[in-house]
Amino acid sequence: MTMGMSLDPAVAARLKRNEAGLVAAIAQQRGSGDVLMMAWMDDEALARTLATRQATYYSRSRQQYWVKGETSGHTQYVHEVRLDCDGDAILLIVDQQGAACHTGTHTCWDGDLLLADSES
């Protein structure tokens, strides 16, 4: 992972990264509150997101940065970025254009319901 863009040191000091130097990032739809997807960020991905308001993640499989929607057109405009109390997860409040999930669904949680109230 190259360091082209630097993160504010005060923010970087609060991050609790995993052994690969990554933090979980959850994207949530502004307005509806729909939880859209989870991806990974390192310091540079977070710095790029904060600087551009375009959700930028780190692909573990490709070992490179990717801007959501760069190839699909399903972009995420970032309105807010929040760090959780432990510093080990990031919440992005976004305007999602098109499908959030790489499978083409609205969210990555549109299937595989494991438990639900009987009234649902």
PDB file of N, CA and C in Angstrom:
ATOM      1  N   MET A   1       0.835  -1.170   0.000  1.00  0.00           N
ATOM      2  CA  MET A   1       0.000   0.000   0.000  1.00  0.00           C
ATOM      3  C   MET A   1       0.883   1.237   0.000  1.00  0.00           C
ATOM      4  N   THR A   2       0.729   2.045  -0.996  1.00  0.00           N
ATOM      5  CA  THR A   2       1.534   3.246  -1.096  1.00  0.00           C
ATOM      6  C   THR A   2       0.867   4.377  -0.327  1.00  0.00           C
ATOM      7  N   MET A   3       1.661   5.314   0.077  1.00  0.00           N
ATOM      8  CA  MET A   3       1.132   6.444   0.827  1.00  0.00           C
ATOM      9  C   MET A   3       1.249   7.712  -0.011  1.00  0.00           C
ATOM     10  N   GLY A   4       0.298   7.962  -0.886  1.00  0.00           N
ATOM     11  CA  GLY A   4       0.312   9.136  -1.727  1.00  0.00           C
ATOM     12  C   GLY A   4      -0.381  10.317  -1.075  1.00  0.00           C
ATOM     13  N   MET A   5      -1.435  10.054  -0.314  1.00  0.00           N
ATOM     14  CA  MET A   5      -2.205  11.104   0.347  1.00  0.00           C
ATOM     15  C   MET A   5      -2.157  10.819   1.845  1.00  0.00           C
ATOM     16  N   SER A   6      -1.894  11.843   2.639  1.00  0.00           N
ATOM     17  CA  SER A   6      -1.732  11.579   4.067  1.00  0.00           C
ATOM     18  C   SER A   6      -2.988  11.943   4.850  1.00  0.00           C
ATOM     19  N   LEU A   7      -3.238  11.154   5.851  1.00  0.00           N
ATOM     20  CA  LEU A   7      -4.378  11.320   6.742  1.00  0.00           C
ATOM     21  C   LEU A   7      -3.963  12.225   7.892  1.00  0.00           C
ATOM     22  N   ASP A   8      -4.872  13.040   8.363  1.00  0.00           N
ATOM     23  CA  ASP A   8      -4.623  13.889   9.525  1.00  0.00           C
ATOM     24  C   ASP A   8      -4.083  13.003  10.652  1.00  0.00           C
ATOM     25  N   PRO A   9      -2.927  13.359  11.220  1.00  0.00           N
ATOM     26  CA  PRO A   9      -2.322  12.519  12.267  1.00  0.00           C
ATOM     27  C   PRO A   9      -3.228  12.273  13.470  1.00  0.00           C
ATOM     28  N   ALA A  10      -4.077  13.224  13.809  1.00  0.00           N
ATOM     29  CA  ALA A  10      -5.000  13.044  14.942  1.00  0.00           C
ATOM     30  C   ALA A  10      -6.022  11.958  14.630  1.00  0.00           C
ATOM     31  N   VAL A  11      -6.484  11.897  13.382  1.00  0.00           N
ATOM     32  CA  VAL A  11      -7.421  10.853  12.969  1.00  0.00           C
ATOM     33  C   VAL A  11      -6.689   9.520  12.885  1.00  0.00           C
ATOM     34  N   ALA A  12      -5.525   9.521  12.277  1.00  0.00           N
ATOM     35  CA  ALA A  12      -4.737   8.287  12.133  1.00  0.00           C
ATOM     36  C   ALA A  12      -4.440   7.663  13.495  1.00  0.00           C
ATOM     37  N   ALA A  13      -4.192   8.483  14.493  1.00  0.00           N
ATOM     38  CA  ALA A  13      -3.871   7.981  15.835  1.00  0.00           C
ATOM     39  C   ALA A  13      -5.062   7.270  16.472  1.00  0.00           C
ATOM     40  N   ARG A  14      -6.266   7.614  16.056  1.00  0.00           N
ATOM     41  CA  ARG A  14      -7.476   6.996  16.632  1.00  0.00           C
ATOM     42  C   ARG A  14      -7.842   5.678  15.971  1.00  0.00           C
ATOM     43  N   LEU A  15      -7.323   5.405  14.771  1.00  0.00           N
ATOM     44  CA  LEU A  15      -7.693   4.189  14.047  1.00  0.00           C
ATOM     45  C   LEU A  15      -7.075   2.952  14.684  1.00  0.00           C
ATOM     46  N   LYS A  16      -7.899   1.918  14.831  1.00  0.00           N
ATOM     47  CA  LYS A  16      -7.409   0.610  15.278  1.00  0.00           C
ATOM     48  C   LYS A  16      -7.511  -0.316  14.075  1.00  0.00           C
ATOM     49  N   ARG A  17      -6.375  -0.528  13.422  1.00  0.00           N
ATOM     50  CA  ARG A  17      -6.332  -1.305  12.187  1.00  0.00           C
ATOM     51  C   ARG A  17      -6.144  -2.781  12.477  1.00  0.00           C
ATOM     52  N   ASN A  18      -6.583  -3.629  11.531  1.00  0.00           N
ATOM     53  CA  ASN A  18      -6.326  -5.062  11.678  1.00  0.00           C
ATOM     54  C   ASN A  18      -4.873  -5.347  11.299  1.00  0.00           C
ATOM     55  N   GLU A  19      -4.503  -6.624  11.300  1.00  0.00           N
ATOM     56  CA  GLU A  19      -3.105  -6.990  11.032  1.00  0.00           C
ATOM     57  C   GLU A  19      -2.644  -6.592   9.631  1.00  0.00           C
ATOM     58  N   ALA A  20      -3.573  -6.342   8.723  1.00  0.00           N
ATOM     59  CA  ALA A  20      -3.233  -5.910   7.362  1.00  0.00           C
ATOM     60  C   ALA A  20      -3.229  -4.380   7.237  1.00  0.00           C
ATOM     61  N   GLY A  21      -3.475  -3.675   8.341  1.00  0.00           N
ATOM     62  CA  GLY A  21      -3.475  -2.220   8.311  1.00  0.00           C
ATOM     63  C   GLY A  21      -4.785  -1.617   7.831  1.00  0.00           C
ATOM     64  N   LEU A  22      -5.861  -2.413   7.901  1.00  0.00           N
ATOM     65  CA  LEU A  22      -7.151  -1.987   7.358  1.00  0.00           C
ATOM     66  C   LEU A  22      -8.203  -1.810   8.443  1.00  0.00           C
ATOM     67  N   VAL A  23      -9.193  -0.973   8.130  1.00  0.00           N
ATOM     68  CA  VAL A  23     -10.330  -0.722   9.014  1.00  0.00           C
ATOM     69  C   VAL A  23     -11.599  -0.985   8.205  1.00  0.00           C
ATOM     70  N   ALA A  24     -12.589  -1.606   8.831  1.00  0.00           N
ATOM     71  CA  ALA A  24     -13.872  -1.856   8.168  1.00  0.00           C
ATOM     72  C   ALA A  24     -14.596  -0.535   7.939  1.00  0.00           C
ATOM     73  N   ALA A  25     -15.167  -0.395   6.747  1.00  0.00           N
ATOM     74  CA  ALA A  25     -15.931   0.801   6.400  1.00  0.00           C
ATOM     75  C   ALA A  25     -17.323   0.378   5.941  1.00  0.00           C
ATOM     76  N   ILE A  26     -18.340   0.916   6.591  1.00  0.00           N
ATOM     77  CA  ILE A  26     -19.726   0.613   6.267  1.00  0.00           C
ATOM     78  C   ILE A  26     -20.325   1.820   5.558  1.00  0.00           C
ATOM     79  N   ALA A  27     -20.971   1.580   4.419  1.00  0.00           N
ATOM     80  CA  ALA A  27     -21.661   2.650   3.698  1.00  0.00           C
ATOM     81  C   ALA A  27     -23.150   2.553   3.984  1.00  0.00           C
ATOM     82  N   GLN A  28     -23.743   3.687   4.358  1.00  0.00           N
ATOM     83  CA  GLN A  28     -25.160   3.766   4.687  1.00  0.00           C
ATOM     84  C   GLN A  28     -25.802   4.861   3.831  1.00  0.00           C
ATOM     85  N   GLN A  29     -26.988   4.569   3.302  1.00  0.00           N
ATOM     86  CA  GLN A  29     -27.706   5.523   2.451  1.00  0.00           C
ATOM     87  C   GLN A  29     -28.219   6.696   3.263  1.00  0.00           C
ATOM     88  N   ARG A  30     -27.898   7.891   2.835  1.00  0.00           N
ATOM     89  CA  ARG A  30     -28.413   9.095   3.482  1.00  0.00           C
ATOM     90  C   ARG A  30     -29.931   9.144   3.277  1.00  0.00           C
ATOM     91  N   GLY A  31     -30.645   9.497   4.306  1.00  0.00           N
ATOM     92  CA  GLY A  31     -32.104   9.594   4.209  1.00  0.00           C
ATOM     93  C   GLY A  31     -32.797   8.321   4.653  1.00  0.00           C
ATOM     94  N   SER A  32     -32.636   7.227   3.901  1.00  0.00           N
ATOM     95  CA  SER A  32     -33.341   5.985   4.230  1.00  0.00           C
ATOM     96  C   SER A  32     -32.683   5.219   5.371  1.00  0.00           C
ATOM     97  N   GLY A  33     -31.379   5.398   5.536  1.00  0.00           N
ATOM     98  CA  GLY A  33     -30.658   4.646   6.558  1.00  0.00           C
ATOM     99  C   GLY A  33     -30.297   3.234   6.136  1.00  0.00           C
ATOM    100  N   ASP A  34     -30.605   2.852   4.880  1.00  0.00           N
ATOM    101  CA  ASP A  34     -30.260   1.501   4.404  1.00  0.00           C
ATOM    102  C   ASP A  34     -28.758   1.265   4.546  1.00  0.00           C
ATOM    103  N   VAL A  35     -28.394   0.132   5.131  1.00  0.00           N
ATOM    104  CA  VAL A  35     -26.993  -0.257   5.193  1.00  0.00           C
ATOM    105  C   VAL A  35     -26.655  -0.887   3.847  1.00  0.00           C
ATOM    106  N   LEU A  36     -25.728  -0.290   3.121  1.00  0.00           N
ATOM    107  CA  LEU A  36     -25.481  -0.665   1.738  1.00  0.00           C
ATOM    108  C   LEU A  36     -24.409  -1.728   1.561  1.00  0.00           C
ATOM    109  N   MET A  37     -23.249  -1.512   2.154  1.00  0.00           N
ATOM    110  CA  MET A  37     -22.126  -2.414   1.900  1.00  0.00           C
ATOM    111  C   MET A  37     -21.057  -2.220   2.955  1.00  0.00           C
ATOM    112  N   MET A  38     -20.138  -3.161   2.985  1.00  0.00           N
ATOM    113  CA  MET A  38     -18.957  -3.075   3.832  1.00  0.00           C
ATOM    114  C   MET A  38     -17.749  -3.302   2.937  1.00  0.00           C
ATOM    115  N   ALA A  39     -16.726  -2.511   3.136  1.00  0.00           N
ATOM    116  CA  ALA A  39     -15.468  -2.684   2.412  1.00  0.00           C
ATOM    117  C   ALA A  39     -14.344  -2.283   3.362  1.00  0.00           C
ATOM    118  N   TRP A  40     -13.137  -2.277   2.876  1.00  0.00           N
ATOM    119  CA  TRP A  40     -11.974  -1.986   3.711  1.00  0.00           C
ATOM    120  C   TRP A  40     -11.323  -0.678   3.303  1.00  0.00           C
ATOM    121  N   MET A  41     -10.775   0.014   4.288  1.00  0.00           N
ATOM    122  CA  MET A  41     -10.009   1.238   4.056  1.00  0.00           C
ATOM    123  C   MET A  41      -8.710   1.160   4.835  1.00  0.00           C
ATOM    124  N   ASP A  42      -7.683   1.760   4.254  1.00  0.00           N
ATOM    125  CA  ASP A  42      -6.474   2.033   5.018  1.00  0.00           C
ATOM    126  C   ASP A  42      -6.393   3.553   5.166  1.00  0.00           C
ATOM    127  N   ASP A  43      -5.302   4.053   5.708  1.00  0.00           N
ATOM    128  CA  ASP A  43      -5.188   5.489   5.938  1.00  0.00           C
ATOM    129  C   ASP A  43      -5.348   6.284   4.645  1.00  0.00           C
ATOM    130  N   GLU A  44      -4.720   5.823   3.581  1.00  0.00           N
ATOM    131  CA  GLU A  44      -4.792   6.577   2.329  1.00  0.00           C
ATOM    132  C   GLU A  44      -6.193   6.557   1.729  1.00  0.00           C
ATOM    133  N   ALA A  45      -6.872   5.418   1.768  1.00  0.00           N
ATOM    134  CA  ALA A  45      -8.241   5.348   1.249  1.00  0.00           C
ATOM    135  C   ALA A  45      -9.138   6.316   2.013  1.00  0.00           C
ATOM    136  N   LEU A  46      -8.970   6.376   3.326  1.00  0.00           N
ATOM    137  CA  LEU A  46      -9.760   7.309   4.126  1.00  0.00           C
ATOM    138  C   LEU A  46      -9.394   8.741   3.779  1.00  0.00           C
ATOM    139  N   ALA A  47      -8.117   9.035   3.636  1.00  0.00           N
ATOM    140  CA  ALA A  47      -7.681  10.390   3.275  1.00  0.00           C
ATOM    141  C   ALA A  47      -8.244  10.792   1.915  1.00  0.00           C
ATOM    142  N   ARG A  48      -8.226   9.874   0.948  1.00  0.00           N
ATOM    143  CA  ARG A  48      -8.778  10.170  -0.382  1.00  0.00           C
ATOM    144  C   ARG A  48     -10.275  10.440  -0.305  1.00  0.00           C
ATOM    145  N   THR A  49     -10.978   9.627   0.511  1.00  0.00           N
ATOM    146  CA  THR A  49     -12.423   9.810   0.682  1.00  0.00           C
ATOM    147  C   THR A  49     -12.725  11.166   1.296  1.00  0.00           C
ATOM    148  N   LEU A  50     -11.992  11.537   2.330  1.00  0.00           N
ATOM    149  CA  LEU A  50     -12.213  12.821   2.996  1.00  0.00           C
ATOM    150  C   LEU A  50     -11.905  13.989   2.059  1.00  0.00           C
ATOM    151  N   ALA A  51     -10.904  13.843   1.218  1.00  0.00           N
ATOM    152  CA  ALA A  51     -10.496  14.929   0.321  1.00  0.00           C
ATOM    153  C   ALA A  51     -11.423  15.090  -0.885  1.00  0.00           C
ATOM    154  N   THR A  52     -11.991  13.972  -1.376  1.00  0.00           N
ATOM    155  CA  THR A  52     -12.737  14.020  -2.642  1.00  0.00           C
ATOM    156  C   THR A  52     -14.245  13.848  -2.490  1.00  0.00           C
ATOM    157  N   ARG A  53     -14.702  13.332  -1.337  1.00  0.00           N
ATOM    158  CA  ARG A  53     -16.111  12.971  -1.107  1.00  0.00           C
ATOM    159  C   ARG A  53     -16.571  11.842  -2.035  1.00  0.00           C
ATOM    160  N   GLN A  54     -15.631  11.138  -2.631  1.00  0.00           N
ATOM    161  CA  GLN A  54     -15.925   9.934  -3.402  1.00  0.00           C
ATOM    162  C   GLN A  54     -15.433   8.755  -2.566  1.00  0.00           C
ATOM    163  N   ALA A  55     -16.338   7.798  -2.282  1.00  0.00           N
ATOM    164  CA  ALA A  55     -15.961   6.662  -1.445  1.00  0.00           C
ATOM    165  C   ALA A  55     -14.839   5.888  -2.111  1.00  0.00           C
ATOM    166  N   THR A  56     -13.715   5.820  -1.423  1.00  0.00           N
ATOM    167  CA  THR A  56     -12.525   5.140  -1.929  1.00  0.00           C
ATOM    168  C   THR A  56     -12.145   4.046  -0.948  1.00  0.00           C
ATOM    169  N   TYR A  57     -11.988   2.839  -1.460  1.00  0.00           N
ATOM    170  CA  TYR A  57     -11.721   1.673  -0.625  1.00  0.00           C
ATOM    171  C   TYR A  57     -10.421   1.015  -1.056  1.00  0.00           C
ATOM    172  N   TYR A  58      -9.984   0.037  -0.253  1.00  0.00           N
ATOM    173  CA  TYR A  58      -8.798  -0.739  -0.596  1.00  0.00           C
ATOM    174  C   TYR A  58      -9.221  -2.180  -0.873  1.00  0.00           C
ATOM    175  N   SER A  59      -8.902  -2.668  -2.058  1.00  0.00           N
ATOM    176  CA  SER A  59      -9.233  -4.042  -2.433  1.00  0.00           C
ATOM    177  C   SER A  59      -8.136  -4.975  -1.953  1.00  0.00           C
ATOM    178  N   ARG A  60      -8.508  -5.889  -1.064  1.00  0.00           N
ATOM    179  CA  ARG A  60      -7.528  -6.866  -0.571  1.00  0.00           C
ATOM    180  C   ARG A  60      -7.132  -7.836  -1.669  1.00  0.00           C
ATOM    181  N   SER A  61      -8.076  -8.245  -2.504  1.00  0.00           N
ATOM    182  CA  SER A  61      -7.769  -9.225  -3.548  1.00  0.00           C
ATOM    183  C   SER A  61      -6.907  -8.627  -4.662  1.00  0.00           C
ATOM    184  N   ARG A  62      -7.192  -7.397  -5.046  1.00  0.00           N
ATOM    185  CA  ARG A  62      -6.422  -6.751  -6.120  1.00  0.00           C
ATOM    186  C   ARG A  62      -5.249  -5.944  -5.590  1.00  0.00           C
ATOM    187  N   GLN A  63      -5.213  -5.729  -4.273  1.00  0.00           N
ATOM    188  CA  GLN A  63      -4.177  -4.933  -3.615  1.00  0.00           C
ATOM    189  C   GLN A  63      -4.029  -3.565  -4.275  1.00  0.00           C
ATOM    190  N   GLN A  64      -5.182  -2.900  -4.432  1.00  0.00           N
ATOM    191  CA  GLN A  64      -5.168  -1.555  -4.993  1.00  0.00           C
ATOM    192  C   GLN A  64      -6.387  -0.782  -4.511  1.00  0.00           C
ATOM    193  N   TYR A  65      -6.337   0.527  -4.682  1.00  0.00           N
ATOM    194  CA  TYR A  65      -7.445   1.387  -4.307  1.00  0.00           C
ATOM    195  C   TYR A  65      -8.498   1.356  -5.391  1.00  0.00           C
ATOM    196  N   TRP A  66      -9.744   1.531  -4.982  1.00  0.00           N
ATOM    197  CA  TRP A  66     -10.839   1.639  -5.954  1.00  0.00           C
ATOM    198  C   TRP A  66     -11.865   2.632  -5.459  1.00  0.00           C
ATOM    199  N   VAL A  67     -12.313   3.461  -6.385  1.00  0.00           N
ATOM    200  CA  VAL A  67     -13.362   4.434  -6.110  1.00  0.00           C
ATOM    201  C   VAL A  67     -14.676   3.768  -6.484  1.00  0.00           C
ATOM    202  N   LYS A  68     -15.603   3.737  -5.539  1.00  0.00           N
ATOM    203  CA  LYS A  68     -16.898   3.110  -5.790  1.00  0.00           C
ATOM    204  C   LYS A  68     -17.549   3.764  -7.004  1.00  0.00           C
ATOM    205  N   GLY A  69     -17.908   2.928  -7.978  1.00  0.00           N
ATOM    206  CA  GLY A  69     -18.578   3.416  -9.179  1.00  0.00           C
ATOM    207  C   GLY A  69     -17.649   3.780 -10.323  1.00  0.00           C
ATOM    208  N   GLU A  70     -16.352   3.687 -10.104  1.00  0.00           N
ATOM    209  CA  GLU A  70     -15.378   4.054 -11.136  1.00  0.00           C
ATOM    210  C   GLU A  70     -15.592   3.270 -12.427  1.00  0.00           C
ATOM    211  N   THR A  71     -15.889   1.978 -12.299  1.00  0.00           N
ATOM    212  CA  THR A  71     -16.138   1.174 -13.500  1.00  0.00           C
ATOM    213  C   THR A  71     -17.619   0.888 -13.707  1.00  0.00           C
ATOM    214  N   SER A  72     -18.388   0.765 -12.635  1.00  0.00           N
ATOM    215  CA  SER A  72     -19.814   0.414 -12.754  1.00  0.00           C
ATOM    216  C   SER A  72     -20.720   1.616 -12.963  1.00  0.00           C
ATOM    217  N   GLY A  73     -20.267   2.787 -12.556  1.00  0.00           N
ATOM    218  CA  GLY A  73     -21.129   3.964 -12.583  1.00  0.00           C
ATOM    219  C   GLY A  73     -22.015   4.068 -11.357  1.00  0.00           C
ATOM    220  N   HIS A  74     -21.940   3.097 -10.445  1.00  0.00           N
ATOM    221  CA  HIS A  74     -22.752   3.072  -9.223  1.00  0.00           C
ATOM    222  C   HIS A  74     -21.992   3.790  -8.104  1.00  0.00           C
ATOM    223  N   THR A  75     -21.995   5.103  -8.184  1.00  0.00           N
ATOM    224  CA  THR A  75     -21.142   5.929  -7.334  1.00  0.00           C
ATOM    225  C   THR A  75     -21.718   6.157  -5.939  1.00  0.00           C
ATOM    226  N   GLN A  76     -20.828   6.551  -5.039  1.00  0.00           N
ATOM    227  CA  GLN A  76     -21.215   6.955  -3.695  1.00  0.00           C
ATOM    228  C   GLN A  76     -20.649   8.346  -3.432  1.00  0.00           C
ATOM    229  N   TYR A  77     -21.546   9.332  -3.296  1.00  0.00           N
ATOM    230  CA  TYR A  77     -21.127  10.667  -2.886  1.00  0.00           C
ATOM    231  C   TYR A  77     -21.194  10.695  -1.363  1.00  0.00           C
ATOM    232  N   VAL A  78     -20.106  11.044  -0.722  1.00  0.00           N
ATOM    233  CA  VAL A  78     -19.991  10.957   0.731  1.00  0.00           C
ATOM    234  C   VAL A  78     -20.390  12.286   1.378  1.00  0.00           C
ATOM    235  N   HIS A  79     -21.423  12.219   2.230  1.00  0.00           N
ATOM    236  CA  HIS A  79     -21.886  13.400   2.958  1.00  0.00           C
ATOM    237  C   HIS A  79     -21.249  13.492   4.339  1.00  0.00           C
ATOM    238  N   GLU A  80     -21.085  12.358   4.999  1.00  0.00           N
ATOM    239  CA  GLU A  80     -20.489  12.338   6.341  1.00  0.00           C
ATOM    240  C   GLU A  80     -19.578  11.132   6.457  1.00  0.00           C
ATOM    241  N   VAL A  81     -18.545  11.284   7.286  1.00  0.00           N
ATOM    242  CA  VAL A  81     -17.680  10.165   7.658  1.00  0.00           C
ATOM    243  C   VAL A  81     -17.581  10.205   9.172  1.00  0.00           C
ATOM    244  N   ARG A  82     -17.891   9.062   9.791  1.00  0.00           N
ATOM    245  CA  ARG A  82     -17.848   8.964  11.253  1.00  0.00           C
ATOM    246  C   ARG A  82     -16.953   7.806  11.664  1.00  0.00           C
ATOM    247  N   LEU A  83     -16.241   8.002  12.749  1.00  0.00           N
ATOM    248  CA  LEU A  83     -15.402   6.956  13.325  1.00  0.00           C
ATOM    249  C   LEU A  83     -16.117   6.436  14.560  1.00  0.00           C
ATOM    250  N   ASP A  84     -16.198   5.101  14.698  1.00  0.00           N
ATOM    251  CA  ASP A  84     -16.899   4.569  15.874  1.00  0.00           C
ATOM    252  C   ASP A  84     -16.076   4.791  17.135  1.00  0.00           C
ATOM    253  N   CYS A  85     -16.688   4.543  18.280  1.00  0.00           N
ATOM    254  CA  CYS A  85     -16.071   4.859  19.573  1.00  0.00           C
ATOM    255  C   CYS A  85     -14.744   4.142  19.810  1.00  0.00           C
ATOM    256  N   ASP A  86     -14.573   2.954  19.230  1.00  0.00           N
ATOM    257  CA  ASP A  86     -13.337   2.201  19.415  1.00  0.00           C
ATOM    258  C   ASP A  86     -12.291   2.497  18.351  1.00  0.00           C
ATOM    259  N   GLY A  87     -12.675   3.200  17.296  1.00  0.00           N
ATOM    260  CA  GLY A  87     -11.739   3.510  16.222  1.00  0.00           C
ATOM    261  C   GLY A  87     -11.482   2.347  15.280  1.00  0.00           C
ATOM    262  N   ASP A  88     -12.315   1.284  15.371  1.00  0.00           N
ATOM    263  CA  ASP A  88     -12.058   0.118  14.518  1.00  0.00           C
ATOM    264  C   ASP A  88     -13.073  -0.055  13.403  1.00  0.00           C
ATOM    265  N   ALA A  89     -13.928   0.959  13.188  1.00  0.00           N
ATOM    266  CA  ALA A  89     -14.875   0.928  12.078  1.00  0.00           C
ATOM    267  C   ALA A  89     -15.207   2.359  11.669  1.00  0.00           C
ATOM    268  N   ILE A  90     -15.470   2.510  10.390  1.00  0.00           N
ATOM    269  CA  ILE A  90     -15.793   3.810   9.811  1.00  0.00           C
ATOM    270  C   ILE A  90     -17.189   3.711   9.202  1.00  0.00           C
ATOM    271  N   LEU A  91     -17.994   4.757   9.399  1.00  0.00           N
ATOM    272  CA  LEU A  91     -19.319   4.825   8.807  1.00  0.00           C
ATOM    273  C   LEU A  91     -19.347   5.954   7.799  1.00  0.00           C
ATOM    274  N   LEU A  92     -19.740   5.622   6.563  1.00  0.00           N
ATOM    275  CA  LEU A  92     -19.892   6.622   5.512  1.00  0.00           C
ATOM    276  C   LEU A  92     -21.382   6.817   5.269  1.00  0.00           C
ATOM    277  N   ILE A  93     -21.849   8.052   5.340  1.00  0.00           N
ATOM    278  CA  ILE A  93     -23.226   8.385   4.991  1.00  0.00           C
ATOM    279  C   ILE A  93     -23.159   8.901   3.557  1.00  0.00           C
ATOM    280  N   VAL A  94     -23.823   8.175   2.637  1.00  0.00           N
ATOM    281  CA  VAL A  94     -23.622   8.433   1.212  1.00  0.00           C
ATOM    282  C   VAL A  94     -24.934   8.591   0.457  1.00  0.00           C
ATOM    283  N   ASP A  95     -24.826   9.192  -0.708  1.00  0.00           N
ATOM    284  CA  ASP A  95     -25.872   9.114  -1.717  1.00  0.00           C
ATOM    285  C   ASP A  95     -25.405   8.073  -2.712  1.00  0.00           C
ATOM    286  N   GLN A  96     -26.088   6.950  -2.766  1.00  0.00           N
ATOM    287  CA  GLN A  96     -25.747   5.844  -3.657  1.00  0.00           C
ATOM    288  C   GLN A  96     -26.480   6.017  -4.974  1.00  0.00           C
ATOM    289  N   GLN A  97     -25.758   5.948  -6.062  1.00  0.00           N
ATOM    290  CA  GLN A  97     -26.355   5.945  -7.400  1.00  0.00           C
ATOM    291  C   GLN A  97     -26.264   4.526  -7.933  1.00  0.00           C
ATOM    292  N   GLY A  98     -27.398   3.913  -8.244  1.00  0.00           N
ATOM    293  CA  GLY A  98     -27.386   2.536  -8.731  1.00  0.00           C
ATOM    294  C   GLY A  98     -27.200   1.552  -7.593  1.00  0.00           C
ATOM    295  N   ALA A  99     -26.869   0.312  -7.956  1.00  0.00           N
ATOM    296  CA  ALA A  99     -26.701  -0.761  -6.977  1.00  0.00           C
ATOM    297  C   ALA A  99     -25.434  -0.549  -6.152  1.00  0.00           C
ATOM    298  N   ALA A 100     -25.517  -0.847  -4.871  1.00  0.00           N
ATOM    299  CA  ALA A 100     -24.329  -0.756  -4.017  1.00  0.00           C
ATOM    300  C   ALA A 100     -23.518  -2.041  -4.063  1.00  0.00           C
ATOM    301  N   CYS A 101     -24.209  -3.177  -4.190  1.00  0.00           N
ATOM    302  CA  CYS A 101     -23.533  -4.469  -4.151  1.00  0.00           C
ATOM    303  C   CYS A 101     -22.982  -4.844  -5.527  1.00  0.00           C
ATOM    304  N   HIS A 102     -21.839  -5.504  -5.528  1.00  0.00           N
ATOM    305  CA  HIS A 102     -21.235  -5.937  -6.800  1.00  0.00           C
ATOM    306  C   HIS A 102     -22.089  -6.987  -7.516  1.00  0.00           C
ATOM    307  N   THR A 103     -23.071  -7.562  -6.800  1.00  0.00           N
ATOM    308  CA  THR A 103     -23.968  -8.541  -7.433  1.00  0.00           C
ATOM    309  C   THR A 103     -25.101  -7.857  -8.193  1.00  0.00           C
ATOM    310  N   GLY A 104     -25.205  -6.533  -8.041  1.00  0.00           N
ATOM    311  CA  GLY A 104     -26.247  -5.785  -8.730  1.00  0.00           C
ATOM    312  C   GLY A 104     -27.464  -5.486  -7.882  1.00  0.00           C
ATOM    313  N   THR A 105     -27.441  -5.878  -6.601  1.00  0.00           N
ATOM    314  CA  THR A 105     -28.567  -5.604  -5.714  1.00  0.00           C
ATOM    315  C   THR A 105     -28.383  -4.253  -5.018  1.00  0.00           C
ATOM    316  N   HIS A 106     -29.485  -3.750  -4.479  1.00  0.00           N
ATOM    317  CA  HIS A 106     -29.468  -2.440  -3.806  1.00  0.00           C
ATOM    318  C   HIS A 106     -28.447  -2.408  -2.679  1.00  0.00           C
ATOM    319  N   THR A 107     -28.467  -3.436  -1.829  1.00  0.00           N
ATOM    320  CA  THR A 107     -27.487  -3.530  -0.741  1.00  0.00           C
ATOM    321  C   THR A 107     -26.868  -4.921  -0.751  1.00  0.00           C
ATOM    322  N   CYS A 108     -25.795  -5.062  -0.009  1.00  0.00           N
ATOM    323  CA  CYS A 108     -25.149  -6.372   0.117  1.00  0.00           C
ATOM    324  C   CYS A 108     -25.890  -7.272   1.101  1.00  0.00           C
ATOM    325  N   TRP A 109     -26.967  -6.737   1.696  1.00  0.00           N
ATOM    326  CA  TRP A 109     -27.755  -7.503   2.664  1.00  0.00           C
ATOM    327  C   TRP A 109     -29.162  -7.794   2.141  1.00  0.00           C
ATOM    328  N   ASP A 110     -29.330  -7.851   0.835  1.00  0.00           N
ATOM    329  CA  ASP A 110     -30.647  -8.131   0.258  1.00  0.00           C
ATOM    330  C   ASP A 110     -31.022  -9.615   0.282  1.00  0.00           C
ATOM    331  N   GLY A 111     -30.114 -10.474   0.625  1.00  0.00           N
ATOM    332  CA  GLY A 111     -30.402 -11.913   0.665  1.00  0.00           C
ATOM    333  C   GLY A 111     -29.904 -12.533   1.956  1.00  0.00           C
ATOM    334  N   ASP A 112     -30.003 -13.844   2.046  1.00  0.00           N
ATOM    335  CA  ASP A 112     -29.468 -14.610   3.182  1.00  0.00           C
ATOM    336  C   ASP A 112     -29.954 -14.130   4.542  1.00  0.00           C
ATOM    337  N   LEU A 113     -31.272 -14.037   4.698  1.00  0.00           N
ATOM    338  CA  LEU A 113     -31.865 -13.685   5.980  1.00  0.00           C
ATOM    339  C   LEU A 113     -31.702 -14.864   6.932  1.00  0.00           C
ATOM    340  N   LEU A 114     -30.973 -14.663   8.016  1.00  0.00           N
ATOM    341  CA  LEU A 114     -30.687 -15.744   8.950  1.00  0.00           C
ATOM    342  C   LEU A 114     -31.661 -15.792  10.130  1.00  0.00           C
ATOM    343  N   LEU A 115     -32.256 -14.644  10.458  1.00  0.00           N
ATOM    344  CA  LEU A 115     -33.184 -14.587  11.577  1.00  0.00           C
ATOM    345  C   LEU A 115     -34.109 -13.400  11.374  1.00  0.00           C
ATOM    346  N   ALA A 116     -35.385 -13.584  11.635  1.00  0.00           N
ATOM    347  CA  ALA A 116     -36.351 -12.487  11.531  1.00  0.00           C
ATOM    348  C   ALA A 116     -37.480 -12.728  12.516  1.00  0.00           C
ATOM    349  N   ASP A 117     -38.115 -11.642  12.953  1.00  0.00           N
ATOM    350  CA  ASP A 117     -39.291 -11.766  13.786  1.00  0.00           C
ATOM    351  C   ASP A 117     -40.391 -12.463  12.972  1.00  0.00           C
ATOM    352  N   SER A 118     -41.237 -13.216  13.628  1.00  0.00           N
ATOM    353  CA  SER A 118     -42.283 -13.934  12.911  1.00  0.00           C
ATOM    354  C   SER A 118     -43.278 -12.996  12.253  1.00  0.00           C
ATOM    355  N   GLU A 119     -43.412 -11.749  12.752  1.00  0.00           N
ATOM    356  CA  GLU A 119     -44.335 -10.786  12.155  1.00  0.00           C
ATOM    357  C   GLU A 119     -43.800 -10.208  10.853  1.00  0.00           C
ATOM    358  N   SER A 120     -42.506 -10.337  10.576  1.00  0.00           N
ATOM    359  CA  SER A 120     -41.880  -9.710   9.402  1.00  0.00           C
ATOM    360  C   SER A 120     -42.335 -10.320   8.112  1.00  0.00           C
TER     361      SER A 120
END
